[in-house]
Amino acid sequence: MRRRCYLSVLVTLLLALGACTMNSVSAIPGVIRNASLGIVTIANNTGSIGTGFAIAPNGLIATNYHIARKVRIFVILPSGKHLNATLVAKNEDADLAILHVAAEDLVSLELRQTAAIVGEPVLALGNPFGLGLTASAGIVSALGVSIGKTNQIQTDAAINPGNSGGPLLDIKGNVIGVVNGKSTIGQGVGFAIPVESVRLLLNSLP
């Protein structure tokens, strides 16, 4: 399943991102494979409800607030292990939340220090429809798009229910945003919360 995912992303990039160098494109399967180690599924008693990703080895996970506000949620690690999750920080306006699970060895994703750039290639990783890890490719279509009370990144990478809370990655595997499936308005138009908002929320923790 994951091998088909990598191949699909590679073909999509070759067709849609012809301006990329072959070195960049050939690195994509490895980027997805490495990032997948830090991707988790957010679930409750009714099943999968979204995606999250580790931002620190000591059990900190970023996701969307509209997912994290559910009662009695738990996290499913890439290993398949289930862990109860506690909400430790939130920004309701930005639809961001940080969860904590009892783990000390999570594979965390790198938060990029610079802002997204219009036209740069991106990867959206998540758990759409509860099908397991899925990756889609696209570009940053626009910046500063006003959604609710926040300015978000617009992308044409495919985003579906269950992608919410997953990372939007650059070509090197750094997080540039948090996919906000709740704001997606149609095919080819998806949104992500800029990574700076994640960094600010993380820095607010005691």
N, C-alpha and C. Protein backbone atom coordinates (compact mmCIF):
# COMPACT_ATOMS: atom_id res chain seq x y z
N MET A 1 0.83 -1.21 0.00
CA MET A 1 0.00 0.00 0.00
C MET A 1 0.87 1.26 0.00
N ARG A 2 1.89 1.30 0.89
CA ARG A 2 2.72 2.50 0.97
C ARG A 2 3.57 2.65 -0.28
N ARG A 3 4.03 1.51 -0.88
CA ARG A 3 4.83 1.61 -2.11
C ARG A 3 4.00 2.23 -3.22
N ARG A 4 2.71 1.85 -3.32
CA ARG A 4 1.84 2.46 -4.33
C ARG A 4 1.67 3.94 -4.06
N CYS A 5 1.61 4.30 -2.77
CA CYS A 5 1.49 5.71 -2.39
C CYS A 5 2.69 6.49 -2.87
N TYR A 6 3.91 5.97 -2.63
CA TYR A 6 5.12 6.67 -3.05
C TYR A 6 5.15 6.82 -4.57
N LEU A 7 4.79 5.78 -5.30
CA LEU A 7 4.81 5.82 -6.76
C LEU A 7 3.82 6.84 -7.28
N SER A 8 2.62 6.87 -6.68
CA SER A 8 1.59 7.82 -7.11
C SER A 8 2.05 9.25 -6.93
N VAL A 9 2.69 9.52 -5.80
CA VAL A 9 3.19 10.87 -5.54
C VAL A 9 4.29 11.23 -6.51
N LEU A 10 5.17 10.30 -6.80
CA LEU A 10 6.27 10.56 -7.72
C LEU A 10 5.76 10.89 -9.11
N VAL A 11 4.77 10.13 -9.59
CA VAL A 11 4.20 10.38 -10.91
C VAL A 11 3.51 11.74 -10.93
N THR A 12 2.76 12.06 -9.86
CA THR A 12 2.06 13.34 -9.79
C THR A 12 3.05 14.49 -9.87
N LEU A 13 4.15 14.37 -9.14
CA LEU A 13 5.15 15.44 -9.15
C LEU A 13 5.79 15.59 -10.52
N LEU A 14 6.05 14.49 -11.18
CA LEU A 14 6.65 14.56 -12.51
C LEU A 14 5.74 15.29 -13.49
N LEU A 15 4.45 15.07 -13.36
CA LEU A 15 3.50 15.68 -14.28
C LEU A 15 3.18 17.13 -13.92
N ALA A 16 3.01 17.38 -12.62
CA ALA A 16 2.53 18.70 -12.20
C ALA A 16 3.65 19.66 -11.86
N LEU A 17 4.82 19.15 -11.56
CA LEU A 17 5.90 20.01 -11.10
C LEU A 17 7.13 19.84 -11.99
N GLY A 18 6.93 19.99 -13.27
CA GLY A 18 8.01 19.76 -14.22
C GLY A 18 9.19 20.67 -14.01
N ALA A 19 8.99 21.77 -13.33
CA ALA A 19 10.09 22.71 -13.12
C ALA A 19 11.07 22.22 -12.05
N CYS A 20 10.65 21.22 -11.28
CA CYS A 20 11.53 20.70 -10.23
C CYS A 20 12.70 19.96 -10.85
N THR A 21 13.81 19.94 -10.17
CA THR A 21 14.94 19.16 -10.65
C THR A 21 14.65 17.69 -10.41
N MET A 22 15.29 16.83 -11.21
CA MET A 22 15.11 15.40 -11.03
C MET A 22 15.60 14.94 -9.67
N ASN A 23 16.63 15.59 -9.14
CA ASN A 23 17.13 15.23 -7.82
C ASN A 23 16.07 15.45 -6.76
N SER A 24 15.33 16.56 -6.86
CA SER A 24 14.28 16.85 -5.89
C SER A 24 13.18 15.82 -5.98
N VAL A 25 12.76 15.51 -7.21
CA VAL A 25 11.67 14.56 -7.39
C VAL A 25 12.05 13.17 -6.91
N SER A 26 13.27 12.74 -7.22
CA SER A 26 13.69 11.40 -6.84
C SER A 26 13.81 11.25 -5.33
N ALA A 27 13.91 12.37 -4.60
CA ALA A 27 14.03 12.31 -3.14
C ALA A 27 12.68 12.15 -2.45
N ILE A 28 11.59 12.35 -3.19
CA ILE A 28 10.26 12.37 -2.57
C ILE A 28 9.91 11.07 -1.84
N PRO A 29 10.10 9.89 -2.42
CA PRO A 29 9.75 8.67 -1.68
C PRO A 29 10.43 8.59 -0.32
N GLY A 30 11.70 8.98 -0.26
CA GLY A 30 12.43 8.97 1.00
C GLY A 30 11.88 9.97 1.99
N VAL A 31 11.50 11.14 1.49
CA VAL A 31 10.90 12.16 2.36
C VAL A 31 9.61 11.64 2.98
N ILE A 32 8.78 11.02 2.17
CA ILE A 32 7.51 10.47 2.68
C ILE A 32 7.78 9.36 3.69
N ARG A 33 8.70 8.48 3.35
CA ARG A 33 9.01 7.35 4.23
C ARG A 33 9.50 7.84 5.59
N ASN A 34 10.39 8.83 5.59
CA ASN A 34 10.91 9.35 6.86
C ASN A 34 9.83 10.08 7.65
N ALA A 35 9.04 10.91 6.96
CA ALA A 35 8.01 11.68 7.65
C ALA A 35 6.92 10.78 8.22
N SER A 36 6.65 9.67 7.55
CA SER A 36 5.58 8.77 8.00
C SER A 36 5.84 8.23 9.40
N LEU A 37 7.10 8.21 9.83
CA LEU A 37 7.44 7.72 11.16
C LEU A 37 6.94 8.64 12.26
N GLY A 38 6.64 9.90 11.89
CA GLY A 38 6.15 10.86 12.87
C GLY A 38 4.67 11.18 12.74
N ILE A 39 3.98 10.49 11.83
CA ILE A 39 2.56 10.74 11.61
C ILE A 39 1.72 9.80 12.47
N VAL A 40 0.70 10.34 13.13
CA VAL A 40 -0.17 9.52 13.97
C VAL A 40 -1.62 9.71 13.53
N THR A 41 -2.43 8.73 13.91
CA THR A 41 -3.87 8.82 13.68
C THR A 41 -4.54 9.24 14.98
N ILE A 42 -5.45 10.20 14.88
CA ILE A 42 -6.24 10.61 16.04
C ILE A 42 -7.59 9.88 15.96
N ALA A 43 -8.00 9.26 17.04
CA ALA A 43 -9.22 8.45 17.00
C ALA A 43 -9.98 8.56 18.31
N ASN A 44 -11.24 8.13 18.26
CA ASN A 44 -12.03 7.98 19.47
C ASN A 44 -12.75 6.63 19.39
N ASN A 45 -13.75 6.44 20.24
CA ASN A 45 -14.40 5.13 20.28
C ASN A 45 -15.16 4.80 19.00
N THR A 46 -15.43 5.80 18.18
CA THR A 46 -16.17 5.55 16.94
C THR A 46 -15.26 5.29 15.76
N GLY A 47 -13.95 5.48 15.94
CA GLY A 47 -13.01 5.23 14.86
C GLY A 47 -12.10 6.42 14.60
N SER A 48 -11.41 6.40 13.47
CA SER A 48 -10.46 7.44 13.10
C SER A 48 -11.18 8.76 12.83
N ILE A 49 -10.64 9.86 13.37
CA ILE A 49 -11.26 11.16 13.15
C ILE A 49 -10.29 12.20 12.59
N GLY A 50 -9.02 11.84 12.44
CA GLY A 50 -8.09 12.82 11.90
C GLY A 50 -6.64 12.37 12.02
N THR A 51 -5.76 13.33 11.82
CA THR A 51 -4.33 13.06 11.76
C THR A 51 -3.60 14.02 12.70
N GLY A 52 -2.44 13.62 13.13
CA GLY A 52 -1.56 14.48 13.90
C GLY A 52 -0.12 14.13 13.57
N PHE A 53 0.82 14.90 14.11
CA PHE A 53 2.23 14.59 13.88
C PHE A 53 3.05 15.03 15.09
N ALA A 54 4.09 14.26 15.37
CA ALA A 54 4.93 14.53 16.52
C ALA A 54 5.78 15.76 16.28
N ILE A 55 5.84 16.62 17.29
CA ILE A 55 6.67 17.83 17.20
C ILE A 55 7.76 17.84 18.26
N ALA A 56 7.80 16.81 19.10
CA ALA A 56 8.85 16.63 20.09
C ALA A 56 8.87 15.17 20.49
N PRO A 57 10.05 14.62 20.76
CA PRO A 57 10.13 13.19 21.10
C PRO A 57 9.38 12.81 22.37
N ASN A 58 9.18 13.79 23.28
CA ASN A 58 8.60 13.50 24.58
C ASN A 58 7.07 13.51 24.59
N GLY A 59 6.45 13.12 23.48
CA GLY A 59 5.01 12.90 23.48
C GLY A 59 4.15 14.05 23.03
N LEU A 60 4.73 15.10 22.46
CA LEU A 60 3.94 16.24 22.00
C LEU A 60 3.53 16.05 20.54
N ILE A 61 2.25 16.26 20.28
CA ILE A 61 1.68 16.02 18.95
C ILE A 61 0.83 17.21 18.55
N ALA A 62 1.04 17.71 17.33
CA ALA A 62 0.24 18.82 16.80
C ALA A 62 -0.91 18.27 15.96
N THR A 63 -2.04 18.95 16.03
CA THR A 63 -3.20 18.57 15.23
C THR A 63 -4.16 19.76 15.18
N ASN A 64 -5.34 19.57 14.63
CA ASN A 64 -6.36 20.62 14.61
C ASN A 64 -7.15 20.61 15.91
N TYR A 65 -7.57 21.78 16.35
CA TYR A 65 -8.36 21.87 17.57
C TYR A 65 -9.72 21.21 17.40
N HIS A 66 -10.32 21.32 16.22
CA HIS A 66 -11.66 20.74 16.07
C HIS A 66 -11.62 19.21 16.18
N ILE A 67 -10.44 18.63 16.08
CA ILE A 67 -10.27 17.19 16.33
C ILE A 67 -9.98 16.95 17.80
N ALA A 68 -9.07 17.74 18.36
CA ALA A 68 -8.59 17.53 19.72
C ALA A 68 -9.66 17.82 20.78
N ARG A 69 -10.67 18.60 20.45
CA ARG A 69 -11.68 18.94 21.45
C ARG A 69 -12.63 17.78 21.72
N LYS A 70 -12.56 16.74 20.92
CA LYS A 70 -13.40 15.57 21.16
C LYS A 70 -13.03 14.94 22.50
N VAL A 71 -14.01 14.36 23.17
CA VAL A 71 -13.74 13.74 24.47
C VAL A 71 -13.12 12.37 24.26
N ARG A 72 -12.25 12.00 25.18
CA ARG A 72 -11.64 10.67 25.21
C ARG A 72 -11.01 10.28 23.88
N ILE A 73 -10.14 11.10 23.40
CA ILE A 73 -9.44 10.75 22.17
C ILE A 73 -8.17 9.98 22.50
N PHE A 74 -7.70 9.23 21.54
CA PHE A 74 -6.43 8.55 21.69
C PHE A 74 -5.66 8.62 20.39
N VAL A 75 -4.39 8.31 20.48
CA VAL A 75 -3.48 8.40 19.34
C VAL A 75 -3.00 7.01 18.97
N ILE A 76 -2.96 6.75 17.67
CA ILE A 76 -2.43 5.48 17.17
C ILE A 76 -1.08 5.78 16.51
N LEU A 77 -0.02 5.26 17.08
CA LEU A 77 1.33 5.48 16.56
C LEU A 77 1.56 4.64 15.30
N PRO A 78 2.59 4.97 14.52
CA PRO A 78 2.90 4.17 13.33
C PRO A 78 3.09 2.68 13.64
N SER A 79 3.52 2.38 14.86
CA SER A 79 3.72 0.99 15.27
C SER A 79 2.41 0.26 15.50
N GLY A 80 1.30 1.04 15.57
CA GLY A 80 0.00 0.45 15.87
C GLY A 80 -0.39 0.58 17.33
N LYS A 81 0.52 1.06 18.15
CA LYS A 81 0.25 1.22 19.58
C LYS A 81 -0.76 2.33 19.82
N HIS A 82 -1.72 2.09 20.73
CA HIS A 82 -2.74 3.07 21.10
C HIS A 82 -2.34 3.74 22.41
N LEU A 83 -2.40 5.08 22.44
CA LEU A 83 -2.08 5.83 23.65
C LEU A 83 -3.15 6.88 23.91
N ASN A 84 -3.58 6.98 25.16
CA ASN A 84 -4.52 8.04 25.52
C ASN A 84 -3.85 9.39 25.35
N ALA A 85 -4.62 10.37 24.90
CA ALA A 85 -4.07 11.70 24.63
C ALA A 85 -4.73 12.75 25.50
N THR A 86 -3.93 13.72 25.92
CA THR A 86 -4.41 14.83 26.74
C THR A 86 -4.16 16.14 26.01
N LEU A 87 -5.15 17.01 25.96
CA LEU A 87 -5.00 18.33 25.35
C LEU A 87 -4.21 19.22 26.30
N VAL A 88 -3.06 19.74 25.85
CA VAL A 88 -2.22 20.56 26.72
C VAL A 88 -2.10 22.01 26.24
N ALA A 89 -2.46 22.29 25.01
CA ALA A 89 -2.44 23.67 24.51
C ALA A 89 -3.40 23.78 23.34
N LYS A 90 -3.98 24.97 23.18
CA LYS A 90 -4.93 25.14 22.09
C LYS A 90 -4.96 26.59 21.63
N ASN A 91 -5.32 26.77 20.37
CA ASN A 91 -5.60 28.08 19.79
C ASN A 91 -6.85 27.89 18.94
N GLU A 92 -7.98 28.17 19.53
CA GLU A 92 -9.24 27.91 18.85
C GLU A 92 -9.39 28.72 17.58
N ASP A 93 -8.92 29.97 17.59
CA ASP A 93 -9.03 30.81 16.40
C ASP A 93 -8.25 30.24 15.23
N ALA A 94 -7.07 29.69 15.52
CA ALA A 94 -6.24 29.13 14.46
C ALA A 94 -6.57 27.66 14.19
N ASP A 95 -7.46 27.07 15.00
CA ASP A 95 -7.82 25.66 14.90
C ASP A 95 -6.60 24.77 15.07
N LEU A 96 -5.81 25.09 16.08
CA LEU A 96 -4.61 24.32 16.39
C LEU A 96 -4.67 23.78 17.81
N ALA A 97 -4.07 22.62 18.00
CA ALA A 97 -3.99 22.04 19.34
C ALA A 97 -2.71 21.24 19.46
N ILE A 98 -2.23 21.13 20.69
CA ILE A 98 -1.11 20.24 20.99
C ILE A 98 -1.58 19.21 22.01
N LEU A 99 -1.35 17.96 21.69
CA LEU A 99 -1.70 16.85 22.56
C LEU A 99 -0.44 16.30 23.22
N HIS A 100 -0.65 15.61 24.34
CA HIS A 100 0.46 14.91 24.97
C HIS A 100 0.08 13.45 25.18
N VAL A 101 1.03 12.57 24.84
CA VAL A 101 0.85 11.15 25.10
C VAL A 101 2.05 10.65 25.90
N ALA A 102 1.87 9.54 26.58
CA ALA A 102 2.93 8.99 27.41
C ALA A 102 3.94 8.24 26.55
N ALA A 103 4.83 9.00 25.94
CA ALA A 103 5.89 8.43 25.10
C ALA A 103 7.11 9.32 25.18
N GLU A 104 8.26 8.74 25.07
CA GLU A 104 9.51 9.49 25.17
C GLU A 104 10.40 9.32 23.94
N ASP A 105 9.93 8.59 22.95
CA ASP A 105 10.79 8.28 21.81
C ASP A 105 10.08 8.47 20.47
N LEU A 106 9.20 9.47 20.40
CA LEU A 106 8.51 9.73 19.15
C LEU A 106 9.49 10.29 18.11
N VAL A 107 9.24 9.97 16.86
CA VAL A 107 10.02 10.55 15.76
C VAL A 107 9.34 11.87 15.39
N SER A 108 9.96 12.97 15.76
CA SER A 108 9.33 14.28 15.54
C SER A 108 9.72 14.86 14.20
N LEU A 109 8.80 15.64 13.62
CA LEU A 109 9.05 16.30 12.35
C LEU A 109 9.64 17.69 12.61
N GLU A 110 10.48 18.13 11.69
CA GLU A 110 11.14 19.43 11.82
C GLU A 110 10.20 20.55 11.38
N LEU A 111 10.07 21.57 12.23
CA LEU A 111 9.27 22.75 11.88
C LEU A 111 10.16 23.74 11.13
N ARG A 112 9.79 24.08 9.90
CA ARG A 112 10.63 24.97 9.11
C ARG A 112 10.67 26.36 9.71
N GLN A 113 11.82 26.98 9.64
CA GLN A 113 12.01 28.30 10.24
C GLN A 113 11.57 29.44 9.33
N THR A 114 11.39 29.16 8.03
CA THR A 114 11.02 30.20 7.09
C THR A 114 9.62 29.96 6.54
N ALA A 115 8.98 31.03 6.08
CA ALA A 115 7.61 30.95 5.60
C ALA A 115 7.52 30.22 4.26
N ALA A 116 6.34 29.73 3.96
CA ALA A 116 6.09 29.08 2.67
C ALA A 116 6.23 30.10 1.54
N ILE A 117 6.50 29.59 0.34
CA ILE A 117 6.69 30.43 -0.84
C ILE A 117 5.70 29.99 -1.92
N VAL A 118 5.03 30.93 -2.52
CA VAL A 118 4.08 30.59 -3.59
C VAL A 118 4.81 29.88 -4.72
N GLY A 119 4.28 28.75 -5.15
CA GLY A 119 4.85 27.98 -6.23
C GLY A 119 5.74 26.82 -5.79
N GLU A 120 6.14 26.80 -4.51
CA GLU A 120 7.02 25.70 -4.10
C GLU A 120 6.22 24.41 -3.98
N PRO A 121 6.85 23.27 -4.30
CA PRO A 121 6.16 21.98 -4.20
C PRO A 121 5.95 21.56 -2.76
N VAL A 122 4.84 20.91 -2.51
CA VAL A 122 4.52 20.48 -1.15
C VAL A 122 3.92 19.07 -1.17
N LEU A 123 3.95 18.45 0.00
CA LEU A 123 3.34 17.14 0.21
C LEU A 123 2.39 17.23 1.39
N ALA A 124 1.20 16.69 1.24
CA ALA A 124 0.24 16.61 2.35
C ALA A 124 0.12 15.16 2.77
N LEU A 125 0.42 14.88 4.03
CA LEU A 125 0.34 13.53 4.56
C LEU A 125 -0.79 13.44 5.57
N GLY A 126 -1.54 12.36 5.51
CA GLY A 126 -2.64 12.22 6.44
C GLY A 126 -3.31 10.87 6.36
N ASN A 127 -4.49 10.83 6.94
CA ASN A 127 -5.24 9.59 7.08
C ASN A 127 -6.66 9.78 6.54
N PRO A 128 -6.80 10.10 5.25
CA PRO A 128 -8.14 10.39 4.71
C PRO A 128 -9.04 9.17 4.73
N PHE A 129 -10.28 9.39 5.17
CA PHE A 129 -11.30 8.34 5.20
C PHE A 129 -10.89 7.14 6.06
N GLY A 130 -9.91 7.34 6.96
CA GLY A 130 -9.46 6.25 7.81
C GLY A 130 -8.75 5.14 7.06
N LEU A 131 -8.17 5.45 5.90
CA LEU A 131 -7.55 4.43 5.05
C LEU A 131 -6.09 4.16 5.40
N GLY A 132 -5.53 4.88 6.35
CA GLY A 132 -4.12 4.75 6.65
C GLY A 132 -3.33 5.85 5.96
N LEU A 133 -2.02 5.82 6.13
CA LEU A 133 -1.19 6.89 5.61
C LEU A 133 -1.34 7.05 4.11
N THR A 134 -1.63 8.29 3.70
CA THR A 134 -1.74 8.63 2.30
C THR A 134 -1.01 9.94 2.07
N ALA A 135 -0.34 10.04 0.93
CA ALA A 135 0.38 11.27 0.59
C ALA A 135 -0.16 11.83 -0.72
N SER A 136 -0.24 13.14 -0.81
CA SER A 136 -0.62 13.80 -2.06
C SER A 136 0.35 14.95 -2.30
N ALA A 137 0.53 15.29 -3.55
CA ALA A 137 1.51 16.31 -3.93
C ALA A 137 0.84 17.49 -4.61
N GLY A 138 1.46 18.65 -4.49
CA GLY A 138 0.95 19.84 -5.16
C GLY A 138 1.93 20.98 -4.98
N ILE A 139 1.42 22.18 -5.03
CA ILE A 139 2.25 23.36 -4.81
C ILE A 139 1.52 24.30 -3.84
N VAL A 140 2.26 25.27 -3.34
CA VAL A 140 1.64 26.36 -2.60
C VAL A 140 1.00 27.29 -3.63
N SER A 141 -0.31 27.42 -3.59
CA SER A 141 -1.04 28.21 -4.58
C SER A 141 -1.13 29.68 -4.20
N ALA A 142 -1.24 29.94 -2.89
CA ALA A 142 -1.38 31.32 -2.42
C ALA A 142 -1.06 31.37 -0.94
N LEU A 143 -0.74 32.57 -0.47
CA LEU A 143 -0.45 32.80 0.94
C LEU A 143 -1.39 33.86 1.49
N GLY A 144 -1.56 33.85 2.81
CA GLY A 144 -2.36 34.89 3.45
C GLY A 144 -3.83 34.85 3.11
N VAL A 145 -4.35 33.66 2.82
CA VAL A 145 -5.77 33.52 2.49
C VAL A 145 -6.57 33.57 3.78
N SER A 146 -7.50 34.49 3.86
CA SER A 146 -8.27 34.68 5.08
C SER A 146 -9.34 33.60 5.23
N ILE A 147 -9.17 32.77 6.26
CA ILE A 147 -10.13 31.72 6.59
C ILE A 147 -10.50 31.90 8.05
N GLY A 148 -11.75 32.29 8.30
CA GLY A 148 -12.14 32.55 9.67
C GLY A 148 -11.34 33.72 10.23
N LYS A 149 -10.64 33.46 11.33
CA LYS A 149 -9.86 34.51 11.98
C LYS A 149 -8.36 34.38 11.70
N THR A 150 -7.99 33.55 10.74
CA THR A 150 -6.58 33.33 10.46
C THR A 150 -6.27 33.46 8.97
N ASN A 151 -5.01 33.73 8.68
CA ASN A 151 -4.52 33.71 7.31
C ASN A 151 -3.84 32.37 7.07
N GLN A 152 -4.21 31.69 6.00
CA GLN A 152 -3.73 30.33 5.78
C GLN A 152 -3.04 30.18 4.43
N ILE A 153 -2.34 29.05 4.30
CA ILE A 153 -1.68 28.67 3.06
C ILE A 153 -2.69 27.94 2.18
N GLN A 154 -2.77 28.32 0.93
CA GLN A 154 -3.63 27.60 -0.01
C GLN A 154 -2.77 26.65 -0.84
N THR A 155 -3.26 25.42 -1.02
CA THR A 155 -2.52 24.44 -1.82
C THR A 155 -3.48 23.67 -2.71
N ASP A 156 -2.94 23.15 -3.82
CA ASP A 156 -3.76 22.31 -4.69
C ASP A 156 -3.50 20.83 -4.44
N ALA A 157 -2.71 20.50 -3.41
CA ALA A 157 -2.54 19.10 -3.03
C ALA A 157 -3.88 18.55 -2.56
N ALA A 158 -4.20 17.33 -2.94
CA ALA A 158 -5.49 16.74 -2.59
C ALA A 158 -5.62 16.60 -1.08
N ILE A 159 -6.72 17.15 -0.55
CA ILE A 159 -7.01 17.08 0.88
C ILE A 159 -8.43 16.57 1.06
N ASN A 160 -8.57 15.53 1.86
CA ASN A 160 -9.86 14.89 2.06
C ASN A 160 -10.15 14.75 3.55
N PRO A 161 -11.40 14.39 3.90
CA PRO A 161 -11.72 14.16 5.31
C PRO A 161 -10.74 13.16 5.93
N GLY A 162 -10.24 13.49 7.10
CA GLY A 162 -9.24 12.66 7.75
C GLY A 162 -7.84 13.19 7.60
N ASN A 163 -7.61 14.04 6.58
CA ASN A 163 -6.32 14.70 6.43
C ASN A 163 -6.13 15.78 7.50
N SER A 164 -7.22 16.25 8.08
CA SER A 164 -7.15 17.33 9.06
C SER A 164 -6.13 17.03 10.14
N GLY A 165 -5.27 18.01 10.40
CA GLY A 165 -4.28 17.87 11.45
C GLY A 165 -2.96 17.30 10.99
N GLY A 166 -2.89 16.84 9.74
CA GLY A 166 -1.64 16.30 9.21
C GLY A 166 -0.71 17.41 8.76
N PRO A 167 0.54 17.09 8.49
CA PRO A 167 1.50 18.11 8.10
C PRO A 167 1.46 18.41 6.60
N LEU A 168 1.73 19.67 6.27
CA LEU A 168 2.04 20.06 4.90
C LEU A 168 3.55 20.25 4.87
N LEU A 169 4.23 19.46 4.05
CA LEU A 169 5.68 19.41 4.05
C LEU A 169 6.28 20.07 2.82
N ASP A 170 7.49 20.61 2.99
CA ASP A 170 8.23 21.07 1.83
C ASP A 170 8.98 19.89 1.22
N ILE A 171 9.75 20.14 0.19
CA ILE A 171 10.40 19.08 -0.56
C ILE A 171 11.49 18.38 0.25
N LYS A 172 11.89 19.01 1.38
CA LYS A 172 12.92 18.41 2.24
C LYS A 172 12.32 17.68 3.43
N GLY A 173 10.98 17.72 3.55
CA GLY A 173 10.32 17.04 4.65
C GLY A 173 10.10 17.90 5.87
N ASN A 174 10.35 19.21 5.76
CA ASN A 174 10.09 20.13 6.87
C ASN A 174 8.63 20.58 6.86
N VAL A 175 8.06 20.73 8.04
CA VAL A 175 6.67 21.16 8.15
C VAL A 175 6.55 22.65 7.86
N ILE A 176 5.68 23.00 6.90
CA ILE A 176 5.41 24.41 6.64
C ILE A 176 3.99 24.79 7.03
N GLY A 177 3.18 23.78 7.36
CA GLY A 177 1.81 24.08 7.75
C GLY A 177 1.11 22.85 8.30
N VAL A 178 -0.05 23.09 8.89
CA VAL A 178 -0.91 22.02 9.40
C VAL A 178 -2.18 22.01 8.55
N VAL A 179 -2.41 20.89 7.89
CA VAL A 179 -3.58 20.78 7.01
C VAL A 179 -4.85 21.03 7.81
N ASN A 180 -5.69 21.89 7.26
CA ASN A 180 -6.96 22.22 7.92
C ASN A 180 -8.10 21.76 7.01
N GLY A 181 -8.39 20.47 7.07
CA GLY A 181 -9.43 19.91 6.21
C GLY A 181 -10.79 20.54 6.42
N LYS A 182 -11.00 21.09 7.60
CA LYS A 182 -12.28 21.73 7.90
C LYS A 182 -12.52 22.92 6.99
N SER A 183 -11.45 23.56 6.51
CA SER A 183 -11.58 24.75 5.69
C SER A 183 -11.55 24.46 4.19
N THR A 184 -11.30 23.20 3.81
CA THR A 184 -11.23 22.87 2.40
C THR A 184 -12.59 23.10 1.74
N ILE A 185 -12.60 23.79 0.59
CA ILE A 185 -13.87 24.21 0.00
C ILE A 185 -14.16 23.54 -1.33
N GLY A 186 -13.27 22.72 -1.81
CA GLY A 186 -13.56 22.06 -3.08
C GLY A 186 -12.34 21.39 -3.63
N GLN A 187 -12.52 20.62 -4.69
CA GLN A 187 -11.41 19.90 -5.29
C GLN A 187 -10.34 20.87 -5.78
N GLY A 188 -9.10 20.60 -5.38
CA GLY A 188 -8.00 21.43 -5.82
C GLY A 188 -7.80 22.69 -5.01
N VAL A 189 -8.61 22.87 -3.96
CA VAL A 189 -8.46 24.04 -3.10
C VAL A 189 -8.45 23.57 -1.64
N GLY A 190 -7.26 23.46 -1.09
CA GLY A 190 -7.11 23.07 0.30
C GLY A 190 -6.32 24.10 1.06
N PHE A 191 -6.36 24.02 2.37
CA PHE A 191 -5.71 25.04 3.20
C PHE A 191 -4.91 24.41 4.32
N ALA A 192 -3.91 25.16 4.77
CA ALA A 192 -3.08 24.74 5.89
C ALA A 192 -2.73 25.95 6.74
N ILE A 193 -2.66 25.72 8.04
CA ILE A 193 -2.30 26.77 8.99
C ILE A 193 -0.78 26.91 8.99
N PRO A 194 -0.25 28.10 8.83
CA PRO A 194 1.21 28.28 8.77
C PRO A 194 1.92 27.73 10.00
N VAL A 195 3.10 27.18 9.79
CA VAL A 195 3.83 26.53 10.87
C VAL A 195 4.20 27.50 11.98
N GLU A 196 4.30 28.77 11.70
CA GLU A 196 4.63 29.75 12.74
C GLU A 196 3.62 29.71 13.87
N SER A 197 2.36 29.45 13.54
CA SER A 197 1.32 29.35 14.58
C SER A 197 1.57 28.15 15.48
N VAL A 198 2.07 27.07 14.91
CA VAL A 198 2.42 25.89 15.71
C VAL A 198 3.57 26.22 16.65
N ARG A 199 4.57 26.92 16.12
CA ARG A 199 5.73 27.28 16.94
C ARG A 199 5.32 28.17 18.11
N LEU A 200 4.46 29.13 17.85
CA LEU A 200 4.00 30.02 18.92
C LEU A 200 3.24 29.25 20.00
N LEU A 201 2.40 28.30 19.57
CA LEU A 201 1.64 27.52 20.54
C LEU A 201 2.58 26.61 21.33
N LEU A 202 3.56 26.03 20.67
CA LEU A 202 4.54 25.18 21.35
C LEU A 202 5.33 25.99 22.37
N ASN A 203 5.70 27.20 22.02
CA ASN A 203 6.48 28.04 22.94
C ASN A 203 5.66 28.54 24.12
N SER A 204 4.34 28.43 24.03
CA SER A 204 3.48 28.87 25.13
C SER A 204 3.40 27.84 26.26
N LEU A 205 3.88 26.64 25.99
CA LEU A 205 3.85 25.60 27.02
C LEU A 205 4.82 25.92 28.14
N PRO A 206 4.46 25.61 29.37
CA PRO A 206 5.38 25.88 30.49
C PRO A 206 6.63 25.01 30.42
